[in-house]
N, C-alpha and C. Protein backbone atom coordinates (compact mmCIF):
# COMPACT_ATOMS: atom_id res chain seq x y z
N MET A 1 71.12 91.43 94.09
CA MET A 1 71.55 90.64 95.30
C MET A 1 72.76 91.55 95.73
N PRO A 2 72.74 91.85 97.22
CA PRO A 2 73.95 92.79 97.74
C PRO A 2 75.08 92.00 97.68
N LYS A 3 76.46 92.71 97.71
CA LYS A 3 77.60 91.77 97.73
C LYS A 3 77.75 91.39 99.14
N MET A 4 78.61 90.14 99.22
CA MET A 4 79.12 89.66 100.59
C MET A 4 80.12 90.72 100.99
N LYS A 5 80.13 90.61 102.31
CA LYS A 5 81.34 91.51 102.80
C LYS A 5 82.13 90.67 103.48
N THR A 6 83.50 90.97 103.49
CA THR A 6 84.71 89.94 104.05
C THR A 6 84.53 90.09 105.49
N HIS A 7 84.81 89.00 106.06
CA HIS A 7 84.81 88.94 107.59
C HIS A 7 85.90 89.26 108.01
N SER A 8 85.74 90.44 108.99
CA SER A 8 86.97 91.32 109.47
C SER A 8 87.90 90.59 110.24
N GLY A 9 87.36 89.53 110.99
CA GLY A 9 88.30 88.61 111.82
C GLY A 9 89.06 87.75 110.90
N ALA A 10 88.50 87.11 109.85
CA ALA A 10 89.22 86.20 109.12
C ALA A 10 90.13 86.77 108.33
N LYS A 11 90.03 88.23 107.78
CA LYS A 11 91.10 88.66 107.09
C LYS A 11 92.22 89.26 107.62
N LYS A 12 92.09 89.19 109.07
CA LYS A 12 93.21 89.60 109.71
C LYS A 12 93.93 88.07 110.24
N ARG A 13 93.35 86.88 110.16
CA ARG A 13 94.16 85.55 110.63
C ARG A 13 94.29 84.88 109.40
N PHE A 14 93.73 85.08 108.33
CA PHE A 14 94.12 84.05 107.11
C PHE A 14 94.59 84.87 105.94
N LYS A 15 95.65 84.21 105.14
CA LYS A 15 95.96 84.81 104.02
C LYS A 15 95.72 83.63 102.70
N LEU A 16 95.47 84.12 101.50
CA LEU A 16 95.45 83.26 100.54
C LEU A 16 96.70 83.26 99.61
N THR A 17 97.03 82.04 99.31
CA THR A 17 98.25 81.83 98.46
C THR A 17 97.68 82.23 97.26
N ALA A 18 98.85 82.35 96.15
CA ALA A 18 98.43 82.43 94.41
C ALA A 18 97.97 81.34 94.09
N ASN A 19 98.20 79.92 94.63
CA ASN A 19 97.43 78.74 94.15
C ASN A 19 96.01 78.46 94.64
N GLY A 20 95.53 79.30 95.80
CA GLY A 20 94.26 79.34 96.29
C GLY A 20 94.33 78.55 97.56
N LYS A 21 95.45 78.39 98.14
CA LYS A 21 95.42 77.61 99.46
C LYS A 21 95.48 78.75 100.60
N VAL A 22 95.09 78.12 101.66
CA VAL A 22 94.81 79.13 102.87
C VAL A 22 95.86 79.01 103.85
N ARG A 23 96.51 79.96 104.46
CA ARG A 23 97.35 79.75 105.28
C ARG A 23 96.96 80.54 106.74
N GLY A 24 97.55 80.31 107.84
CA GLY A 24 96.90 80.85 109.00
C GLY A 24 98.15 80.48 110.06
N ARG A 25 97.83 80.86 111.31
CA ARG A 25 98.49 80.46 112.36
C ARG A 25 98.34 79.19 112.94
N ARG A 26 99.46 78.84 113.75
CA ARG A 26 99.41 77.62 114.30
C ARG A 26 98.68 77.60 115.61
N ALA A 27 98.06 76.30 116.14
CA ALA A 27 97.28 76.44 117.34
C ALA A 27 98.57 75.91 118.37
N PHE A 28 98.10 76.30 119.68
CA PHE A 28 99.14 76.18 120.77
C PHE A 28 100.58 76.95 120.75
N SER A 29 100.64 78.06 120.25
CA SER A 29 101.76 78.84 120.01
C SER A 29 101.86 80.23 120.91
N THR A 30 100.87 80.26 121.64
CA THR A 30 100.86 81.74 122.43
C THR A 30 101.03 81.45 123.90
N HIS A 31 100.67 80.27 124.68
CA HIS A 31 101.14 80.61 126.09
C HIS A 31 101.46 79.22 126.44
N ILE A 32 101.91 79.13 127.67
CA ILE A 32 102.42 77.89 128.43
C ILE A 32 103.56 77.23 127.50
N LEU A 33 104.57 78.43 127.35
CA LEU A 33 105.75 77.97 126.31
C LEU A 33 106.91 77.55 127.02
N GLU A 34 107.00 77.52 128.36
CA GLU A 34 108.12 77.19 129.04
C GLU A 34 108.59 75.57 128.96
N LYS A 35 107.31 74.65 128.91
CA LYS A 35 107.71 73.27 128.90
C LYS A 35 108.04 72.68 127.45
N LYS A 36 107.73 73.75 126.31
CA LYS A 36 107.90 73.34 124.90
C LYS A 36 109.21 73.49 124.48
N SER A 37 109.67 72.73 123.71
CA SER A 37 110.98 72.75 123.33
C SER A 37 111.56 73.92 122.28
N PRO A 38 112.54 74.42 122.16
CA PRO A 38 112.89 75.59 121.37
C PRO A 38 112.58 75.27 119.78
N LYS A 39 112.76 73.92 119.43
CA LYS A 39 112.47 73.61 118.20
C LYS A 39 110.88 73.62 117.94
N ARG A 40 110.32 73.01 118.67
CA ARG A 40 108.89 72.91 118.68
C ARG A 40 108.34 74.53 118.65
N LYS A 41 108.91 75.57 119.15
CA LYS A 41 108.40 76.72 119.44
C LYS A 41 108.88 77.51 118.16
N ARG A 42 109.86 77.12 117.46
CA ARG A 42 110.27 77.67 116.15
C ARG A 42 109.32 77.56 114.93
N ARG A 43 108.81 75.86 115.24
CA ARG A 43 107.99 75.36 114.10
C ARG A 43 106.72 76.27 114.35
N GLN A 44 106.30 76.41 115.49
CA GLN A 44 104.99 77.19 115.88
C GLN A 44 105.10 78.46 115.24
N SER A 45 106.14 79.16 115.22
CA SER A 45 106.21 80.49 114.80
C SER A 45 105.68 80.71 113.29
N ARG A 46 106.13 79.69 112.68
CA ARG A 46 105.78 79.87 111.08
C ARG A 46 104.34 79.39 110.72
N PRO A 47 103.71 80.14 109.60
CA PRO A 47 102.31 79.89 109.52
C PRO A 47 102.18 78.27 108.98
N SER A 48 101.02 78.06 108.86
CA SER A 48 100.56 76.61 108.62
C SER A 48 99.56 76.62 107.62
N TRP A 49 99.20 75.51 106.74
CA TRP A 49 98.12 75.42 105.95
C TRP A 49 96.98 74.99 106.62
N ILE A 50 95.91 75.52 106.30
CA ILE A 50 94.73 75.26 106.92
C ILE A 50 94.12 74.00 106.25
N SER A 51 93.59 73.00 106.88
CA SER A 51 92.97 71.82 106.45
C SER A 51 92.05 71.97 105.20
N GLN A 52 92.07 71.08 104.58
CA GLN A 52 91.08 71.00 103.04
C GLN A 52 89.75 71.33 103.62
N HIS A 53 89.21 70.41 104.83
CA HIS A 53 87.80 70.66 105.09
C HIS A 53 87.60 71.71 105.56
N ASP A 54 88.26 72.62 106.02
CA ASP A 54 88.12 74.09 106.81
C ASP A 54 88.30 75.16 105.57
N GLU A 55 88.98 74.64 104.44
CA GLU A 55 89.08 75.87 103.59
C GLU A 55 87.82 76.41 102.88
N PRO A 56 86.84 75.50 102.31
CA PRO A 56 85.80 76.09 101.83
C PRO A 56 85.27 77.34 102.96
N GLN A 57 84.88 77.01 104.27
CA GLN A 57 84.45 77.99 105.06
C GLN A 57 85.32 79.30 105.40
N VAL A 58 86.55 79.04 105.24
CA VAL A 58 87.58 80.21 105.33
C VAL A 58 87.32 80.90 104.01
N LYS A 59 87.36 80.40 102.86
CA LYS A 59 87.15 81.20 101.73
C LYS A 59 86.01 81.67 101.50
N THR A 60 84.81 81.29 102.10
CA THR A 60 83.49 82.01 102.11
C THR A 60 83.61 83.33 102.86
N LEU A 61 84.48 83.36 104.15
CA LEU A 61 84.55 84.38 105.12
C LEU A 61 85.33 85.43 104.39
N LEU A 62 86.16 84.76 103.59
CA LEU A 62 87.28 85.96 102.91
C LEU A 62 86.56 86.52 101.68
N GLY A 63 85.57 85.93 101.36
CA GLY A 63 84.78 86.53 100.04
C GLY A 63 85.11 86.21 98.60
N VAL A 64 86.06 84.86 98.57
CA VAL A 64 86.50 84.26 97.48
C VAL A 64 85.52 83.50 96.75
N LYS A 65 85.18 83.78 95.83
CA LYS A 65 84.10 82.90 94.84
C LYS A 65 84.72 81.75 94.34
N ARG A 66 83.84 80.77 94.45
CA ARG A 66 84.21 79.51 93.52
C ARG A 66 83.78 79.50 92.23
N ARG A 67 84.77 78.95 91.29
CA ARG A 67 84.61 78.98 89.98
C ARG A 67 83.46 77.88 89.62
N GLN A 68 82.80 78.39 88.47
CA GLN A 68 81.88 77.52 87.95
C GLN A 68 82.31 76.69 87.18
N ARG A 69 82.21 75.28 86.95
CA ARG A 69 82.58 74.25 86.15
C ARG A 69 81.57 74.28 84.96
N GLY A 70 82.13 74.21 83.82
CA GLY A 70 81.55 73.99 82.40
C GLY A 70 81.23 74.99 81.57
């Protein structure tokens, strides 16, 4: 069986933490910033956690293997 290739776009956008969680950029942080408060823009600049529902898909794109139980 050939090896899975890492998705180039995903490796630029997401990082894995040591505990196996996925971090990425926040939405709504790049344009139409004039009407957003400075506090909100500061919060947007920090990375956020990817939701648990999206984690399996992102991990597949990053080429992370899931552990077998048992």
